[in-house]
Amino acid sequence: MHGPIEYFAYAAPLALIWFMYLALRRISGKRAEAIQAEARDAGLTEPASLHPSIDPVSCLGCGSCVSACPEGKILGLINGKAEMIEPTHCIGHGACADACPTGAISLVFGSETRGVDIPFVGPDFQTNVPGVFIAGELGGMGLIRNAVEQGRQAIGSIAATLTKRDGASLDVVIVGAGPAGLAATLAAKDAKLNYVTLEQETIGGAIAHYPRGKLVMTKPAILPLVGKMSLRDPSKEALLEFWNETVRKTGVVIEENARVAEVRQIPGGFEVITPHKSYRTRSVLLTIGRRGTPRKLGVPGEDLSKVVYRMIDPGQYTGRHVLVVGGGDSALEAAAEIAEQPNSKVILAYRGDAFSRARQRNRERVANTDKSKLHVALNSDVAEIHNEAVILSMKGARKRAANDDVIICAGGVLPNDFLKNIGVAIETKYGSR
């Protein structure tokens, strides 16, 4: 028989382990609450697209969803239940739902207070307009692996609808060369379709504008003509290099800097119009992003080559005078990172009187940056952009500043009007699929 001393010898370590587990869980919960509060104070509470909805009754608080998320601290445990703590960082991986042992997580679009517009897309990726298909982020799937698969499957559906070939028309025009568009292009060539792929910027789509080194893919995908993408946690640069090499090796044709202005229905199909050329086609596959076209300021000089709408590599602005326009996280991050480059000078211009829509840590980062390197101009608007200077309007006064580069971080224009002009129906989702 065991006496009290023996029982104590077994119980004490178990009690200590349990105490340490509860203490660590409490610390983790407090940290999650702080992150959630920061996002709430900045007004960053609504996910942009597909995201988890958690049933607190079914949630065990096991934390499997938290650790399963490839994007980091999107979810956290608060009072023993899983909650979204950084909603705007969620891009709809769905790994959290797969990891939940009780099925407490479902993936939805929008919320009760904020609807998300999603174009109608059938199981075969065809919209309500026969011959117009959608795959990838525009349909709500921002995850690279899912977008690649959708692009491949959409071409399969298009090929199945084509009957007798019309030599005067293309079989399909693919609009966009991001993950879904690239996969669709490869699938179109594999299926021996007569196709053209049009990209308004460059191969890679929005991923080409991610910050330098950002990880953009966490699961492998299968590409037509290529097979398995064997990259493991690639950086943006590695993934773009892979895609460009794939285009070279396979010989697929992608027309870059070809922005689609309009898609018209014509007898027997569609006419896809760009500023320089038009294409007759029997079907159209839209693989564009949800952010559509960058929002412009509409000021004189905005068409100069020194004006861009995303920061790619802060190192390229070493020794430059840079104007960053905007009051969100992307603007503040760009301004702070460029100001850290040797001999750079940055003006951060925002029309509001405070950066209320940016995270606290980014506001603090800007506030703590050397004032001789980063000048914050609140309540200001860009009036004019010139080759070597910019004109800012500040409370009625016009101020001229030396300038080499302008980065406008004003978000994007959703392509709803573009879709409606084609006739594609748009549904507003309030926390549903």
Protein backbone atom coordinates (compact mmCIF):
# COMPACT_ATOMS: atom_id res chain seq x y z
CA MET A 1 0.00 0.00 0.00
CA HIS A 2 1.05 3.57 -0.65
CA GLY A 3 1.16 6.06 2.17
CA PRO A 4 0.46 9.82 2.10
CA ILE A 5 4.07 10.61 1.22
CA GLU A 6 3.98 8.43 -1.89
CA TYR A 7 0.68 9.97 -3.03
CA PHE A 8 2.09 13.44 -2.46
CA ALA A 9 5.17 12.56 -4.50
CA TYR A 10 2.92 11.75 -7.48
CA ALA A 11 0.34 14.50 -6.95
CA ALA A 12 2.72 17.42 -6.41
CA PRO A 13 4.33 17.37 -9.90
CA LEU A 14 0.91 16.93 -11.52
CA ALA A 15 -0.47 19.85 -9.54
CA LEU A 16 2.53 21.98 -10.50
CA ILE A 17 2.12 21.13 -14.19
CA TRP A 18 -1.59 21.95 -13.99
CA PHE A 19 -0.90 25.24 -12.22
CA MET A 20 1.69 26.23 -14.84
CA TYR A 21 -0.72 25.29 -17.65
CA LEU A 22 -3.47 27.50 -16.18
CA ALA A 23 -1.02 30.37 -15.63
CA LEU A 24 0.26 30.21 -19.22
CA ARG A 25 -3.30 29.98 -20.53
CA ARG A 26 -4.27 33.04 -18.48
CA ILE A 27 -1.28 35.00 -19.84
CA SER A 28 -2.12 33.93 -23.38
CA GLY A 29 -5.74 34.98 -22.88
CA LYS A 30 -4.71 38.43 -21.64
CA ARG A 31 -2.43 38.83 -24.63
CA ALA A 32 -5.25 37.84 -26.98
CA GLU A 33 -7.59 40.33 -25.30
CA ALA A 34 -5.01 43.10 -25.77
CA ILE A 35 -4.58 42.32 -29.48
CA GLN A 36 -8.34 42.19 -29.95
CA ALA A 37 -8.82 45.50 -28.13
CA GLU A 38 -6.16 47.17 -30.28
CA ALA A 39 -7.88 46.00 -33.46
CA ARG A 40 -11.26 47.14 -32.12
CA ASP A 41 -9.93 50.60 -31.17
CA ALA A 42 -8.54 50.99 -34.70
CA GLY A 43 -11.88 49.94 -36.20
CA LEU A 44 -10.29 46.86 -37.78
CA THR A 45 -13.01 44.39 -36.87
CA GLU A 46 -14.35 43.13 -40.18
CA PRO A 47 -12.61 40.42 -42.25
CA ALA A 48 -12.35 41.26 -45.93
CA SER A 49 -13.51 37.90 -47.21
CA LEU A 50 -14.04 34.28 -46.14
CA HIS A 51 -13.47 33.86 -42.39
CA PRO A 52 -14.38 31.64 -39.43
CA SER A 53 -17.61 31.96 -37.46
CA ILE A 54 -17.24 30.25 -34.07
CA ASP A 55 -20.10 28.69 -32.10
CA PRO A 56 -19.17 29.33 -28.45
CA VAL A 57 -21.46 26.55 -27.23
CA SER A 58 -19.65 23.90 -29.27
CA CYS A 59 -16.16 25.35 -28.73
CA LEU A 60 -14.08 23.34 -26.24
CA GLY A 61 -11.37 25.96 -25.96
CA CYS A 62 -8.74 23.39 -26.91
CA GLY A 63 -6.80 25.89 -29.03
CA SER A 64 -6.32 23.59 -32.02
CA CYS A 65 -7.74 26.27 -34.32
CA VAL A 66 -5.33 28.88 -32.94
CA SER A 67 -2.25 26.80 -33.65
CA ALA A 68 -3.58 25.57 -37.02
CA CYS A 69 -3.87 29.04 -38.57
CA PRO A 70 -0.98 29.57 -41.03
CA GLU A 71 -1.30 33.36 -40.82
CA GLY A 72 -0.39 33.70 -37.15
CA LYS A 73 -2.51 35.19 -34.40
CA ILE A 74 -5.80 35.57 -36.22
CA LEU A 75 -7.56 33.56 -33.51
CA GLY A 76 -7.00 33.53 -29.77
CA LEU A 77 -8.51 31.98 -26.64
CA ILE A 78 -10.43 34.46 -24.51
CA ASN A 79 -12.20 33.21 -21.39
CA GLY A 80 -11.67 29.66 -22.56
CA LYS A 81 -13.29 30.13 -25.98
CA ALA A 82 -11.82 30.78 -29.43
CA GLU A 83 -12.40 34.24 -30.88
CA MET A 84 -11.07 36.25 -33.81
CA ILE A 85 -8.58 38.78 -32.46
CA GLU A 86 -7.14 40.19 -35.71
CA PRO A 87 -10.03 39.80 -38.15
CA THR A 88 -8.62 41.91 -40.99
CA HIS A 89 -5.57 39.61 -41.30
CA CYS A 90 -7.73 36.57 -42.08
CA ILE A 91 -7.56 35.44 -45.72
CA GLY A 92 -9.81 32.39 -45.50
CA HIS A 93 -7.37 29.48 -45.23
CA GLY A 94 -9.99 27.34 -43.52
CA ALA A 95 -7.31 25.41 -41.60
CA CYS A 96 -9.03 26.41 -38.34
CA ALA A 97 -12.28 24.71 -39.37
CA ASP A 98 -10.43 21.56 -40.40
CA ALA A 99 -8.59 21.46 -37.05
CA CYS A 100 -11.66 21.94 -34.83
CA PRO A 101 -12.58 18.57 -33.24
CA THR A 102 -16.20 19.57 -32.52
CA GLY A 103 -17.18 21.32 -35.75
CA ALA A 104 -17.64 24.61 -33.90
CA ILE A 105 -16.18 26.63 -36.79
CA SER A 106 -17.92 27.38 -40.06
CA LEU A 107 -16.53 29.58 -42.85
CA VAL A 108 -18.69 32.54 -43.86
CA PHE A 109 -18.67 35.81 -45.81
CA GLY A 110 -19.55 39.08 -44.12
CA SER A 111 -21.13 39.59 -40.71
CA GLU A 112 -24.43 40.67 -39.22
CA THR A 113 -23.34 44.32 -39.31
CA ARG A 114 -21.31 44.40 -42.53
CA GLY A 115 -22.24 42.69 -45.72
CA VAL A 116 -19.69 41.48 -48.27
CA ASP A 117 -20.52 41.60 -51.95
CA ILE A 118 -19.85 38.32 -53.74
CA PRO A 119 -20.71 37.68 -57.40
CA PHE A 120 -23.04 34.78 -58.05
CA VAL A 121 -20.98 31.74 -59.05
CA GLY A 122 -22.41 28.29 -59.70
CA PRO A 123 -20.78 24.94 -58.90
CA ASP A 124 -19.19 24.96 -62.38
CA PHE A 125 -17.78 28.50 -61.73
CA GLN A 126 -20.22 29.98 -64.25
CA THR A 127 -22.06 33.18 -63.31
CA ASN A 128 -25.67 33.99 -64.14
CA VAL A 129 -24.36 35.22 -67.52
CA PRO A 130 -23.80 32.09 -69.66
CA GLY A 131 -20.22 32.01 -70.83
CA VAL A 132 -18.81 34.23 -68.06
CA PHE A 133 -16.92 32.34 -65.35
CA ILE A 134 -15.21 33.44 -62.11
CA ALA A 135 -12.41 31.77 -60.15
CA GLY A 136 -10.14 32.79 -57.29
CA GLU A 137 -10.24 35.83 -55.04
CA LEU A 138 -13.09 37.62 -56.83
CA GLY A 139 -15.35 34.74 -55.89
CA GLY A 140 -14.15 34.87 -52.29
CA MET A 141 -11.21 32.43 -52.41
CA GLY A 142 -8.04 34.35 -51.61
CA LEU A 143 -5.97 31.32 -50.58
CA ILE A 144 -3.39 30.56 -53.28
CA ARG A 145 -3.85 26.81 -53.22
CA ASN A 146 -7.63 27.09 -53.55
CA ALA A 147 -7.34 29.76 -56.24
CA VAL A 148 -5.00 27.55 -58.28
CA GLU A 149 -7.42 24.64 -58.03
CA GLN A 150 -10.38 26.82 -58.97
CA GLY A 151 -8.56 28.18 -62.02
CA ARG A 152 -7.85 24.65 -63.21
CA GLN A 153 -11.39 23.42 -62.59
CA ALA A 154 -12.97 26.48 -64.23
CA ILE A 155 -11.13 25.76 -67.48
CA GLY A 156 -12.41 22.19 -67.29
CA SER A 157 -15.96 23.54 -67.04
CA ILE A 158 -15.39 25.94 -69.94
CA ALA A 159 -13.96 23.19 -72.14
CA ALA A 160 -17.03 21.07 -71.40
CA THR A 161 -19.35 23.84 -72.65
CA LEU A 162 -17.55 24.36 -75.96
CA THR A 163 -18.94 22.48 -78.93
CA LYS A 164 -18.05 23.33 -82.50
CA ARG A 165 -15.03 25.61 -82.79
CA ASP A 166 -15.42 29.09 -84.28
CA GLY A 167 -12.20 30.05 -86.04
CA ALA A 168 -13.01 33.75 -85.81
CA SER A 169 -13.18 33.71 -82.00
CA LEU A 170 -11.04 32.63 -79.10
CA ASP A 171 -12.32 29.82 -76.89
CA VAL A 172 -11.65 31.83 -73.72
CA VAL A 173 -10.18 35.11 -72.58
CA ILE A 174 -8.66 34.81 -69.11
CA VAL A 175 -8.62 38.13 -67.25
CA GLY A 176 -5.93 38.28 -64.57
CA ALA A 177 -2.61 36.49 -64.09
CA GLY A 178 -2.59 35.87 -60.37
CA PRO A 179 -2.67 32.32 -58.94
CA ALA A 180 -6.08 31.42 -60.43
CA GLY A 181 -5.29 33.06 -63.77
CA LEU A 182 -1.91 31.37 -64.10
CA ALA A 183 -3.38 27.95 -63.31
CA ALA A 184 -6.21 28.59 -65.77
CA THR A 185 -3.72 29.62 -68.47
CA LEU A 186 -1.75 26.41 -68.02
CA ALA A 187 -4.97 24.37 -68.05
CA ALA A 188 -6.16 26.13 -71.21
CA LYS A 189 -2.96 25.24 -73.02
CA ASP A 190 -3.12 21.69 -71.69
CA ALA A 191 -6.69 21.39 -73.02
CA LYS A 192 -5.55 22.82 -76.38
CA LEU A 193 -7.96 25.75 -76.13
CA ASN A 194 -7.52 28.90 -78.20
CA TYR A 195 -6.98 31.42 -75.40
CA VAL A 196 -5.41 34.70 -74.38
CA THR A 197 -4.59 35.85 -70.84
CA LEU A 198 -4.74 39.58 -70.06
CA GLU A 199 -3.10 41.06 -66.94
CA GLN A 200 -3.42 44.75 -66.11
CA GLU A 201 -0.03 44.82 -64.41
CA THR A 202 2.44 41.94 -64.24
CA ILE A 203 2.54 38.17 -63.71
CA GLY A 204 1.57 37.28 -60.15
CA GLY A 205 -1.22 39.81 -59.80
CA ALA A 206 -1.56 41.33 -56.33
CA ILE A 207 1.14 39.02 -54.94
CA ALA A 208 3.73 40.96 -56.95
CA HIS A 209 2.95 43.91 -54.66
CA TYR A 210 3.27 42.09 -51.34
CA PRO A 211 6.04 43.36 -49.03
CA ARG A 212 9.47 41.97 -49.78
CA GLY A 213 10.00 38.50 -48.30
CA LYS A 214 6.39 38.04 -47.16
CA LEU A 215 5.34 34.38 -47.08
CA VAL A 216 2.41 33.95 -49.40
CA MET A 217 1.75 30.21 -49.56
CA THR A 218 1.55 27.56 -46.88
CA LYS A 219 0.28 24.45 -48.70
CA PRO A 220 1.38 22.83 -51.96
CA ALA A 221 -0.73 23.11 -55.09
CA ILE A 222 -0.97 21.16 -58.34
CA LEU A 223 -0.43 23.08 -61.58
CA PRO A 224 -1.47 21.79 -65.02
CA LEU A 225 1.53 20.98 -67.27
CA VAL A 226 3.81 21.33 -64.24
CA GLY A 227 2.58 19.10 -61.46
CA LYS A 228 3.14 19.71 -57.78
CA MET A 229 4.55 23.05 -56.73
CA SER A 230 7.32 21.73 -54.50
CA LEU A 231 8.06 25.05 -52.82
CA ARG A 232 7.94 24.94 -49.03
CA ASP A 233 6.91 28.20 -47.34
CA PRO A 234 8.22 30.29 -50.24
CA SER A 235 8.78 34.02 -50.03
CA LYS A 236 7.06 36.32 -52.46
CA GLU A 237 10.25 36.52 -54.51
CA ALA A 238 10.68 32.74 -54.71
CA LEU A 239 7.07 32.20 -55.74
CA LEU A 240 7.19 34.90 -58.43
CA GLU A 241 10.45 33.47 -59.74
CA PHE A 242 8.84 30.03 -59.91
CA TRP A 243 5.82 31.39 -61.78
CA ASN A 244 7.92 33.34 -64.28
CA GLU A 245 10.09 30.29 -64.90
CA THR A 246 6.93 28.21 -65.37
CA VAL A 247 5.68 30.67 -67.99
CA ARG A 248 9.02 30.48 -69.82
CA LYS A 249 9.21 26.68 -69.73
CA THR A 250 5.63 25.99 -70.76
CA GLY A 251 5.45 28.71 -73.39
CA VAL A 252 2.07 30.02 -72.26
CA VAL A 253 1.28 33.53 -73.47
CA ILE A 254 0.31 36.26 -71.01
CA GLU A 255 -0.31 39.81 -72.20
CA GLU A 256 0.95 42.09 -69.41
CA ASN A 257 -0.06 45.75 -68.94
CA ALA A 258 -3.34 44.95 -70.68
CA ARG A 259 -6.14 46.33 -68.54
CA VAL A 260 -9.61 45.15 -69.53
CA ALA A 261 -11.88 48.15 -69.79
CA GLU A 262 -15.08 46.41 -70.87
CA VAL A 263 -16.65 43.06 -71.70
CA ARG A 264 -19.53 43.28 -74.18
CA GLN A 265 -21.95 40.56 -75.15
CA ILE A 266 -22.07 40.03 -78.90
CA PRO A 267 -23.71 37.35 -81.07
CA GLY A 268 -21.99 34.05 -80.35
CA GLY A 269 -19.99 35.27 -77.36
CA PHE A 270 -18.22 38.35 -76.08
CA GLU A 271 -15.92 41.18 -77.04
CA VAL A 272 -13.20 41.90 -74.48
CA ILE A 273 -11.86 45.43 -74.88
CA THR A 274 -8.52 46.84 -73.69
CA PRO A 275 -7.18 50.34 -74.42
CA HIS A 276 -5.10 48.98 -77.32
CA LYS A 277 -6.92 45.93 -78.65
CA SER A 278 -10.17 43.97 -78.56
CA TYR A 279 -10.75 40.21 -78.58
CA ARG A 280 -13.72 38.14 -79.74
CA THR A 281 -14.23 35.12 -77.54
CA ARG A 282 -16.79 32.43 -76.81
CA SER A 283 -16.23 32.60 -73.05
CA VAL A 284 -14.58 34.77 -70.41
CA LEU A 285 -12.90 33.67 -67.17
CA LEU A 286 -12.46 36.44 -64.61
CA THR A 287 -9.63 35.76 -62.14
CA ILE A 288 -9.13 39.34 -60.96
CA GLY A 289 -8.74 40.37 -57.33
CA ARG A 290 -11.49 41.76 -55.17
CA ARG A 291 -9.70 45.08 -54.81
CA GLY A 292 -9.99 45.69 -58.53
CA THR A 293 -8.15 48.85 -59.56
CA PRO A 294 -6.17 51.03 -57.12
CA ARG A 295 -8.14 54.10 -55.98
CA LYS A 296 -6.65 57.22 -57.52
CA LEU A 297 -6.56 60.78 -56.23
CA GLY A 298 -7.54 62.41 -59.51
CA VAL A 299 -4.96 65.21 -59.28
CA PRO A 300 -2.70 66.72 -61.95
CA GLY A 301 0.53 64.75 -62.41
CA GLU A 302 -0.82 61.47 -61.04
CA ASP A 303 -0.01 59.83 -64.36
CA LEU A 304 3.74 60.43 -63.92
CA SER A 305 5.85 57.27 -63.82
CA LYS A 306 7.09 58.05 -60.31
CA VAL A 307 3.59 57.50 -58.88
CA VAL A 308 2.79 53.98 -57.62
CA TYR A 309 0.02 52.53 -55.48
CA ARG A 310 1.93 50.01 -53.36
CA MET A 311 5.32 49.86 -51.74
CA ILE A 312 7.22 46.76 -52.85
CA ASP A 313 10.75 47.18 -51.50
CA PRO A 314 11.65 50.01 -49.09
CA GLY A 315 15.31 49.62 -50.04
CA GLN A 316 14.67 51.11 -53.47
CA TYR A 317 13.91 54.46 -51.84
CA THR A 318 17.33 54.88 -50.23
CA GLY A 319 18.43 58.51 -50.55
CA ARG A 320 15.07 59.58 -52.02
CA HIS A 321 12.42 62.18 -51.12
CA VAL A 322 9.17 60.19 -50.88
CA LEU A 323 5.55 61.21 -50.38
CA VAL A 324 3.28 58.51 -48.89
CA VAL A 325 -0.44 59.24 -49.08
CA GLY A 326 -2.94 57.50 -46.79
CA GLY A 327 -3.93 56.89 -43.19
CA GLY A 328 -4.20 53.12 -42.93
CA ASP A 329 -1.74 50.45 -41.90
CA SER A 330 -0.21 50.08 -45.36
CA ALA A 331 0.57 53.80 -45.54
CA LEU A 332 2.04 53.98 -42.05
CA GLU A 333 4.13 50.85 -42.54
CA ALA A 334 5.45 52.14 -45.87
CA ALA A 335 6.33 55.55 -44.44
CA ALA A 336 8.13 54.09 -41.41
CA GLU A 337 10.07 51.50 -43.40
CA ILE A 338 11.22 53.99 -46.02
CA ALA A 339 12.23 56.47 -43.30
CA GLU A 340 14.56 53.79 -41.92
CA GLN A 341 16.53 53.73 -45.20
CA PRO A 342 19.80 55.71 -45.36
CA ASN A 343 19.44 59.36 -46.38
CA SER A 344 15.72 59.07 -47.15
CA LYS A 345 13.15 61.77 -46.41
CA VAL A 346 9.46 60.92 -46.11
CA ILE A 347 6.28 62.97 -45.93
CA LEU A 348 3.21 61.03 -44.74
CA ALA A 349 0.14 62.95 -45.91
CA TYR A 350 -3.38 62.17 -44.71
CA ARG A 351 -6.55 64.18 -45.13
CA GLY A 352 -7.84 63.26 -41.66
CA ASP A 353 -6.77 64.72 -38.31
CA ALA A 354 -5.67 61.36 -36.83
CA PHE A 355 -4.71 57.84 -37.92
CA SER A 356 -7.79 56.30 -36.34
CA ARG A 357 -7.97 53.41 -38.80
CA ALA A 358 -4.43 52.17 -38.21
CA ARG A 359 -3.22 49.77 -35.54
CA GLN A 360 -1.76 51.21 -32.37
CA ARG A 361 1.66 49.68 -32.98
CA ASN A 362 1.88 51.34 -36.40
CA ARG A 363 0.78 54.68 -34.96
CA GLU A 364 3.45 54.34 -32.28
CA ARG A 365 6.05 53.35 -34.84
CA VAL A 366 5.37 56.49 -36.87
CA ALA A 367 5.32 58.65 -33.74
CA ASN A 368 8.68 57.26 -32.63
CA THR A 369 10.41 57.63 -36.02
CA ASP A 370 13.07 60.30 -36.33
CA LYS A 371 11.21 63.55 -37.13
CA SER A 372 14.06 64.68 -39.36
CA LYS A 373 13.39 61.59 -41.53
CA LEU A 374 9.58 61.37 -41.38
CA HIS A 375 7.26 64.38 -41.44
CA VAL A 376 3.57 63.75 -40.74
CA ALA A 377 1.19 66.09 -42.57
CA LEU A 378 -2.34 65.61 -41.20
CA ASN A 379 -5.34 67.49 -42.62
CA SER A 380 -3.58 67.65 -45.97
CA ASP A 381 -4.49 66.82 -49.55
CA VAL A 382 -2.31 66.32 -52.58
CA ALA A 383 -3.02 69.21 -54.97
CA GLU A 384 -0.45 68.60 -57.71
CA ILE A 385 2.38 66.22 -58.56
CA HIS A 386 5.38 67.42 -60.57
CA ASN A 387 8.57 65.72 -61.77
CA GLU A 388 10.71 67.04 -58.92
CA ALA A 389 8.13 68.27 -56.39
CA VAL A 390 4.63 67.87 -54.95
CA ILE A 391 2.12 70.52 -53.89
CA LEU A 392 0.14 69.84 -50.71
CA SER A 393 -2.98 71.72 -49.67
CA MET A 394 -3.04 72.17 -45.89
CA LYS A 395 -5.88 74.16 -44.33
CA GLY A 396 -6.19 76.35 -47.38
CA ALA A 397 -2.47 76.95 -47.76
CA ARG A 398 -0.40 75.37 -50.53
CA LYS A 399 3.03 74.00 -49.66
CA ARG A 400 5.67 72.78 -52.10
CA ALA A 401 8.05 69.95 -51.18
CA ALA A 402 10.93 68.34 -53.05
CA ASN A 403 9.95 64.88 -54.24
CA ASP A 404 11.32 61.89 -56.14
CA ASP A 405 8.58 59.30 -55.59
CA VAL A 406 4.90 59.16 -54.62
CA ILE A 407 3.21 56.11 -53.05
CA ILE A 408 -0.58 56.31 -52.85
CA CYS A 409 -2.10 53.90 -50.31
CA ALA A 410 -5.77 54.73 -50.75
CA GLY A 411 -7.15 51.23 -51.16
CA GLY A 412 -8.82 49.87 -54.25
CA VAL A 413 -12.01 50.28 -56.19
CA LEU A 414 -14.15 47.15 -55.97
CA PRO A 415 -15.00 45.84 -59.46
CA ASN A 416 -18.77 45.81 -58.82
CA ASP A 417 -19.56 48.28 -61.62
CA PHE A 418 -17.41 46.26 -64.03
CA LEU A 419 -19.33 43.09 -63.12
CA LYS A 420 -22.74 44.78 -63.30
CA ASN A 421 -21.96 46.17 -66.74
CA ILE A 422 -21.38 42.60 -67.91
CA GLY A 423 -24.64 41.56 -66.25
CA VAL A 424 -23.15 39.46 -63.44
CA ALA A 425 -25.41 39.31 -60.39
CA ILE A 426 -23.87 40.30 -57.05
CA GLU A 427 -25.08 38.89 -53.74
CA THR A 428 -24.49 40.56 -50.38
CA LYS A 429 -23.53 38.02 -47.71
CA TYR A 430 -24.22 38.76 -44.04
CA GLY A 431 -22.38 36.01 -42.23
CA SER A 432 -23.26 33.18 -44.60
CA ARG A 433 -21.83 31.09 -47.46
